[in-house]
Amino acid sequence: EKKNLAEKHLKKKTDYQMALTEAQDVLMEAAVKMHETLGCHTVDYYYEAIIQTSRMTKHQRACNPWNAYLRAEVKKYNEALPNNEPCHKATDLAAKISAKWRAMSNNDKKTATEESMELLEEYRINKCTGMNNMPINAFHDMRTTLKSISNEVSDTLSARTGCYGILMSVCSDTDHYSHPYVYMSDDRIGDYFQLALQQAPTDIATHLEVYCLSGVTGIVQNYKQALIALKAETSSLIIKRLCEAAQVNVPRMLYVNFEENIMAKYGVVCKGWPLQKFCSPGDIGSHTEVKVLNSAWKSRTAKFRKMSKAEFEQWDKDRFQQKM
C-alpha cells in the first residue's frame, strides 16, 4: 500500500512538473513572438509583462453610488490640504464620509453622485484599456511581496522559533524603480556584517545592485535570452513537425510518457532524437545540446513518422504483451 501511494505521489509530481514546464514553454513562446513582432523590448520584458498581467484581478464589481461619492469626497479633502501634507487614503476617511452618506436622503444621494458616477466609470474604463507600465507594476508587486515576506519572518518564524534571518533584494534592470531592500529580523545580524566585513548590509546590497546592473550581468543576460529564444524556437519546430506527421492538430507535445500520450493516440513515432535524454527543450540546460537538437529538427535528421495501420496494430499488440 505504501508503494502504491509512493507511485501515485511520484506520478502526480511528474505530471505537475510536466504541466508546469509546458505552461512556461507556452508563455516563453508568446514572449518570443511579441519580441519578434513588436521589437521594442527584450524577450524577458514581454515574459515579465505576461506574468504581471496574470496577477491582475479578472473580476470587477459594477460602479455604485457609494464608491463614486467616497472617491469624490476624498478628492475634495485632499485638494484642500496644504502642498506639503500627505494625501488622505479612502480608508482614513471612510467612517467620517459614511456618516455623512447615511444622513442623506435617496434623492440627495442620487443628485450628489450623478457626475461622480460618470467620472468613476470613465476612470475604470481607462484603467482597464489604458497602456500598463510594467516597471511600475513590478515595483508594486516587489514592494508588497517583500513586505509580506518580512512580516512572515518577523511575526511568525522568528517569534515562534527564535531563528534569525536576513532578506536582501536588488534590481536587475535599470528600468526598475525599487531601491535595494534589506530586512534583518535582529540587530545582531547587522552587527555581524559590520564586524566580519566592515560593511553594513545596506552597503553590501548597494554594491550587489551595481554588480547586477553592470556589463558582466548584461553579457550573461544576452546569453540567457539567446538560449531562451532558441528553446522556444525548437519547441515550436517540434510541435510543427508533430502536427505534420500526425496529420491532425496536436495541441501540445508531451515528452513524459511519450508512448501513451503521443504514440498510442496519434500513431506517430520519433526517429533520430540526437540527445541521450528525451525531454522538452525547456528542460535542457546546455546551449550546445539545444543547438544540436534545433539543427537536427531543421535538417529533418530528427523527425516524426506516422505508422501504418498494420505497424500500429503490431506495436500495440507488443505493448500489451509487455504489460502482461
Protein backbone atom coordinates (compact mmCIF):
# COMPACT_ATOMS: atom_id res chain seq x y z
CA GLU A 1 0.00 0.00 0.00
CA LYS A 2 2.86 2.38 0.82
CA LYS A 3 4.48 1.55 -2.50
CA ASN A 4 1.26 2.33 -4.38
CA LEU A 5 0.91 5.64 -2.54
CA ALA A 6 4.52 6.50 -3.33
CA GLU A 7 3.99 5.69 -7.02
CA LYS A 8 0.82 7.81 -7.11
CA HIS A 9 2.65 10.68 -5.43
CA LEU A 10 5.56 10.40 -7.88
CA LYS A 11 3.18 10.32 -10.87
CA LYS A 12 1.29 13.35 -9.55
CA LYS A 13 4.55 15.20 -9.03
CA THR A 14 5.78 14.25 -12.52
CA ASP A 15 2.51 15.30 -14.15
CA TYR A 16 2.60 18.60 -12.27
CA GLN A 17 6.18 19.30 -13.35
CA MET A 18 5.31 18.38 -16.93
CA ALA A 19 2.29 20.69 -16.96
CA LEU A 20 4.31 23.49 -15.37
CA THR A 21 7.08 23.12 -17.96
CA GLU A 22 4.57 23.14 -20.80
CA ALA A 23 2.89 26.26 -19.41
CA GLN A 24 6.27 28.00 -19.13
CA ASP A 25 7.11 26.99 -22.70
CA VAL A 26 3.81 28.45 -23.93
CA LEU A 27 4.46 31.74 -22.11
CA MET A 28 8.02 31.92 -23.41
CA GLU A 29 6.91 31.22 -26.98
CA ALA A 30 4.37 34.03 -26.69
CA ALA A 31 7.06 36.37 -25.34
CA VAL A 32 9.41 35.49 -28.22
CA LYS A 33 6.63 36.14 -30.76
CA MET A 34 5.86 39.50 -29.15
CA HIS A 35 9.55 40.39 -29.33
CA GLU A 36 9.73 39.41 -33.00
CA THR A 37 6.54 41.29 -33.87
CA LEU A 38 6.95 44.42 -31.76
CA GLY A 39 10.69 44.56 -31.21
CA CYS A 40 10.51 47.40 -28.69
CA HIS A 41 11.69 45.43 -25.66
CA THR A 42 13.58 42.26 -24.77
CA VAL A 43 12.08 38.78 -24.55
CA ASP A 44 12.41 38.95 -20.75
CA TYR A 45 10.41 42.20 -20.69
CA TYR A 46 7.47 40.63 -22.54
CA TYR A 47 7.71 37.46 -20.43
CA GLU A 48 7.51 39.58 -17.27
CA ALA A 49 4.63 41.58 -18.74
CA ILE A 50 2.64 38.39 -19.35
CA ILE A 51 3.27 37.18 -15.81
CA GLN A 52 2.37 40.56 -14.27
CA THR A 53 -0.84 40.67 -16.29
CA SER A 54 -1.86 37.30 -14.88
CA ARG A 55 -1.78 38.80 -11.38
CA MET A 56 -4.38 41.44 -12.23
CA THR A 57 -7.92 40.97 -10.96
CA LYS A 58 -10.11 39.32 -13.56
CA HIS A 59 -13.44 40.25 -11.96
CA GLN A 60 -14.56 43.80 -11.26
CA ARG A 61 -17.68 44.87 -9.43
CA ALA A 62 -20.05 47.34 -11.03
CA CYS A 63 -19.83 51.00 -10.06
CA ASN A 64 -22.16 52.03 -7.25
CA PRO A 65 -23.13 55.45 -5.85
CA TRP A 66 -21.30 54.93 -2.56
CA ASN A 67 -17.95 54.27 -4.28
CA ALA A 68 -18.45 57.29 -6.52
CA TYR A 69 -19.37 59.50 -3.56
CA LEU A 70 -16.43 58.26 -1.48
CA ARG A 71 -13.98 58.90 -4.30
CA ALA A 72 -15.31 62.42 -4.90
CA GLU A 73 -15.25 63.33 -1.18
CA VAL A 74 -11.71 62.02 -0.66
CA LYS A 75 -10.60 64.07 -3.65
CA LYS A 76 -12.16 67.21 -2.08
CA TYR A 77 -10.40 66.59 1.24
CA ASN A 78 -7.03 66.10 -0.47
CA GLU A 79 -7.40 69.19 -2.66
CA ALA A 80 -7.96 71.28 0.46
CA LEU A 81 -4.70 70.10 2.07
CA PRO A 82 -1.53 72.27 2.06
CA ASN A 83 1.07 71.37 -0.57
CA ASN A 84 3.43 69.55 1.79
CA GLU A 85 0.75 67.50 3.54
CA PRO A 86 0.43 63.80 2.57
CA CYS A 87 -2.84 62.88 0.91
CA HIS A 88 -5.54 61.00 2.77
CA LYS A 89 -6.47 57.47 1.77
CA ALA A 90 -10.07 56.40 1.33
CA THR A 91 -9.74 54.08 4.34
CA ASP A 92 -8.72 57.04 6.54
CA LEU A 93 -11.89 58.99 5.76
CA ALA A 94 -14.39 56.21 5.09
CA ALA A 95 -16.00 56.32 8.55
CA LYS A 96 -16.42 60.07 8.51
CA ILE A 97 -17.81 60.17 4.96
CA SER A 98 -20.03 57.16 5.66
CA ALA A 99 -21.82 59.01 8.48
CA LYS A 100 -22.49 61.91 6.15
CA TRP A 101 -23.71 59.49 3.43
CA ARG A 102 -26.17 57.76 5.73
CA ALA A 103 -27.70 61.08 6.77
CA MET A 104 -28.58 61.93 3.15
CA SER A 105 -31.91 61.09 1.52
CA ASN A 106 -32.08 58.91 -1.58
CA ASN A 107 -32.76 61.92 -3.80
CA ASP A 108 -29.78 63.78 -2.30
CA LYS A 109 -27.56 60.74 -2.87
CA LYS A 110 -28.68 60.50 -6.50
CA THR A 111 -28.10 64.21 -7.11
CA ALA A 112 -24.70 64.19 -5.40
CA THR A 113 -23.38 61.23 -7.41
CA GLU A 114 -24.67 61.85 -10.94
CA GLU A 115 -21.44 63.42 -12.15
CA SER A 116 -19.09 61.38 -9.95
CA MET A 117 -20.65 58.11 -11.20
CA GLU A 118 -19.76 59.05 -14.78
CA LEU A 119 -16.23 60.03 -13.73
CA LEU A 120 -15.73 56.77 -11.86
CA GLU A 121 -16.96 54.71 -14.81
CA GLU A 122 -14.63 56.60 -17.15
CA TYR A 123 -11.73 56.09 -14.73
CA ARG A 124 -12.34 52.33 -14.61
CA ILE A 125 -12.53 52.05 -18.39
CA ASN A 126 -9.27 53.97 -18.79
CA LYS A 127 -7.62 51.79 -16.17
CA CYS A 128 -8.67 48.59 -17.95
CA THR A 129 -7.93 49.66 -21.53
CA GLY A 130 -5.04 52.05 -20.96
CA MET A 131 -1.39 51.12 -21.53
CA ASN A 132 0.11 49.47 -18.45
CA ASN A 133 3.55 50.42 -17.18
CA MET A 134 5.30 47.13 -16.46
CA PRO A 135 8.13 48.61 -14.33
CA ILE A 136 5.56 50.29 -12.06
CA ASN A 137 3.54 47.08 -11.80
CA ALA A 138 6.71 45.20 -10.94
CA PHE A 139 7.63 47.84 -8.35
CA HIS A 140 4.30 47.48 -6.53
CA ASP A 141 4.49 43.71 -6.83
CA MET A 142 8.01 43.61 -5.32
CA ARG A 143 7.16 46.05 -2.54
CA THR A 144 4.05 44.13 -1.48
CA THR A 145 5.72 40.73 -1.68
CA LEU A 146 8.87 41.77 0.20
CA LYS A 147 6.80 43.37 2.94
CA SER A 148 4.73 40.21 3.26
CA ILE A 149 7.84 38.01 3.48
CA SER A 150 9.44 40.32 6.05
CA ASN A 151 6.31 40.24 8.21
CA GLU A 152 6.19 36.46 7.93
CA VAL A 153 9.83 36.15 9.05
CA SER A 154 9.45 38.67 11.87
CA ASP A 155 5.98 37.96 13.25
CA THR A 156 5.75 34.24 12.62
CA LEU A 157 9.08 32.49 12.09
CA SER A 158 11.32 34.49 14.45
CA ALA A 159 8.69 34.87 17.14
CA ARG A 160 7.73 31.19 17.03
CA THR A 161 11.11 29.51 16.59
CA GLY A 162 13.62 32.15 17.69
CA CYS A 163 15.65 31.88 14.46
CA TYR A 164 17.15 34.95 12.83
CA GLY A 165 17.13 35.78 9.12
CA ILE A 166 18.16 38.39 6.59
CA LEU A 167 16.37 39.24 3.35
CA MET A 168 18.15 41.18 0.61
CA SER A 169 16.65 42.23 -2.72
CA VAL A 170 18.11 44.34 -5.55
CA CYS A 171 17.09 45.40 -9.06
CA SER A 172 18.25 43.52 -12.12
CA ASP A 173 17.26 46.17 -14.67
CA THR A 174 17.75 49.94 -14.89
CA ASP A 175 14.05 50.31 -15.76
CA HIS A 176 13.05 49.09 -12.30
CA TYR A 177 12.05 51.71 -9.74
CA SER A 178 12.73 49.93 -6.46
CA HIS A 179 15.79 50.56 -4.28
CA PRO A 180 17.96 47.88 -2.61
CA TYR A 181 15.91 46.28 0.12
CA VAL A 182 17.37 44.79 3.30
CA TYR A 183 15.43 43.26 6.18
CA MET A 184 17.03 41.81 9.32
CA SER A 185 14.97 40.06 11.95
CA ASP A 186 17.51 41.04 14.64
CA ASP A 187 20.09 43.82 15.03
CA ARG A 188 22.81 41.27 15.76
CA ILE A 189 22.80 40.29 12.10
CA GLY A 190 23.78 43.83 11.13
CA ASP A 191 26.44 43.87 13.85
CA TYR A 192 27.94 40.66 12.48
CA PHE A 193 28.20 42.09 8.94
CA GLN A 194 29.87 45.19 10.35
CA LEU A 195 32.40 43.15 12.38
CA ALA A 196 33.14 40.48 9.76
CA LEU A 197 33.07 42.53 6.55
CA GLN A 198 33.44 46.11 7.84
CA GLN A 199 30.31 46.98 5.88
CA ALA A 200 26.67 47.39 6.74
CA PRO A 201 24.18 45.09 4.96
CA THR A 202 22.71 48.12 3.18
CA ASP A 203 26.13 48.92 1.67
CA ILE A 204 26.53 45.31 0.52
CA ALA A 205 23.08 45.45 -1.06
CA THR A 206 24.04 48.63 -2.93
CA HIS A 207 27.24 47.01 -4.25
CA LEU A 208 25.28 43.91 -5.23
CA GLU A 209 22.82 46.01 -7.22
CA VAL A 210 25.67 47.76 -9.02
CA TYR A 211 27.09 44.37 -9.98
CA CYS A 212 23.70 43.09 -11.16
CA LEU A 213 23.30 46.17 -13.35
CA SER A 214 26.86 46.01 -14.70
CA GLY A 215 28.04 44.91 -18.13
CA VAL A 216 29.01 41.47 -16.84
CA THR A 217 25.41 40.78 -15.97
CA GLY A 218 24.38 42.17 -19.34
CA ILE A 219 26.57 39.61 -21.10
CA VAL A 220 25.02 36.82 -19.06
CA GLN A 221 21.53 38.18 -19.82
CA ASN A 222 22.26 38.22 -23.54
CA TYR A 223 23.37 34.59 -23.35
CA LYS A 224 20.26 33.64 -21.37
CA GLN A 225 17.99 35.48 -23.81
CA ALA A 226 19.59 33.71 -26.76
CA LEU A 227 19.18 30.34 -25.02
CA ILE A 228 15.55 31.06 -24.12
CA ALA A 229 14.77 32.14 -27.67
CA LEU A 230 16.46 29.02 -29.10
CA LYS A 231 14.47 26.77 -26.74
CA ALA A 232 11.23 28.44 -27.76
CA GLU A 233 12.08 28.13 -31.46
CA THR A 234 12.95 24.45 -31.04
CA SER A 235 9.74 23.72 -29.13
CA SER A 236 7.69 25.40 -31.87
CA LEU A 237 9.53 23.47 -34.58
CA ILE A 238 8.96 20.11 -32.84
CA ILE A 239 5.22 20.65 -32.39
CA LYS A 240 5.00 21.79 -36.03
CA ARG A 241 6.71 18.58 -37.24
CA LEU A 242 4.44 16.51 -34.99
CA CYS A 243 1.29 18.05 -36.47
CA GLU A 244 2.61 17.43 -39.98
CA ALA A 245 3.30 13.76 -39.25
CA ALA A 246 0.08 13.12 -37.29
CA GLN A 247 -1.95 14.93 -39.99
CA VAL A 248 -4.09 16.47 -37.25
CA ASN A 249 -3.75 19.47 -34.96
CA VAL A 250 -1.89 18.24 -31.85
CA PRO A 251 -2.44 20.81 -29.06
CA ARG A 252 0.91 20.17 -27.36
CA MET A 253 3.90 17.88 -27.39
CA LEU A 254 4.12 15.60 -24.34
CA TYR A 255 7.59 14.23 -23.62
CA VAL A 256 6.76 12.36 -20.40
CA ASN A 257 5.02 9.03 -21.15
CA PHE A 258 5.52 9.69 -24.87
CA GLU A 259 4.27 6.23 -25.83
CA GLU A 260 0.97 6.63 -24.01
CA ASN A 261 0.35 10.29 -24.78
CA ILE A 262 1.58 10.54 -28.38
CA MET A 263 2.33 7.18 -29.99
CA ALA A 264 -0.82 5.42 -28.80
CA LYS A 265 -3.03 8.44 -29.51
CA TYR A 266 -1.69 9.62 -32.88
CA GLY A 267 0.21 6.57 -34.17
CA VAL A 268 3.43 8.56 -34.55
CA VAL A 269 7.00 7.51 -33.71
CA CYS A 270 10.03 9.75 -33.17
CA LYS A 271 13.19 8.92 -35.09
CA GLY A 272 16.70 10.38 -34.87
CA TRP A 273 16.48 12.14 -31.50
CA PRO A 274 20.10 13.34 -31.13
CA LEU A 275 20.37 13.60 -27.34
CA GLN A 276 20.60 10.94 -24.64
CA LYS A 277 17.68 12.40 -22.67
CA PHE A 278 14.27 12.64 -24.32
CA CYS A 279 12.71 15.76 -22.81
CA SER A 280 11.35 19.20 -23.57
CA PRO A 281 13.87 21.76 -24.88
CA GLY A 282 12.91 23.87 -21.87
CA ASP A 283 14.43 21.20 -19.57
CA ILE A 284 17.81 21.24 -21.34
CA GLY A 285 20.43 23.41 -19.62
CA SER A 286 23.21 23.23 -22.21
CA HIS A 287 23.17 25.77 -25.04
CA THR A 288 25.15 23.31 -27.20
CA GLU A 289 22.62 20.50 -26.73
CA VAL A 290 19.69 22.79 -27.55
CA LYS A 291 21.53 23.93 -30.67
CA VAL A 292 22.19 20.30 -31.69
CA LEU A 293 18.51 19.46 -31.15
CA ASN A 294 17.40 22.50 -33.14
CA SER A 295 19.71 21.63 -36.05
CA ALA A 296 18.53 18.01 -36.06
CA TRP A 297 14.89 19.04 -36.46
CA LYS A 298 15.68 21.72 -39.03
CA SER A 299 17.65 19.27 -41.18
CA ARG A 300 14.98 16.59 -40.57
CA THR A 301 17.60 14.23 -39.13
CA ALA A 302 15.18 14.06 -36.22
CA LYS A 303 11.62 13.54 -37.38
CA PHE A 304 8.22 12.05 -36.63
CA ARG A 305 6.84 9.25 -38.76
CA LYS A 306 3.26 8.02 -38.84
CA MET A 307 2.95 4.24 -38.54
CA SER A 308 0.89 2.25 -41.00
CA LYS A 309 -2.25 0.56 -39.74
CA ALA A 310 -0.60 -2.88 -39.64
CA GLU A 311 2.52 -1.47 -38.00
CA PHE A 312 0.47 0.30 -35.35
CA GLU A 313 -1.60 -2.80 -34.59
CA GLN A 314 1.56 -4.87 -34.17
CA TRP A 315 3.15 -2.24 -31.95
CA ASP A 316 0.01 -2.02 -29.83
CA LYS A 317 -0.11 -5.82 -29.53
CA ASP A 318 3.57 -6.00 -28.46
CA ARG A 319 2.99 -3.22 -25.95
CA PHE A 320 0.02 -5.11 -24.48
CA GLN A 321 2.09 -8.30 -24.20
CA GLN A 322 4.86 -6.45 -22.37
CA LYS A 323 2.39 -5.16 -19.81
CA MET A 324 1.07 -8.65 -19.26
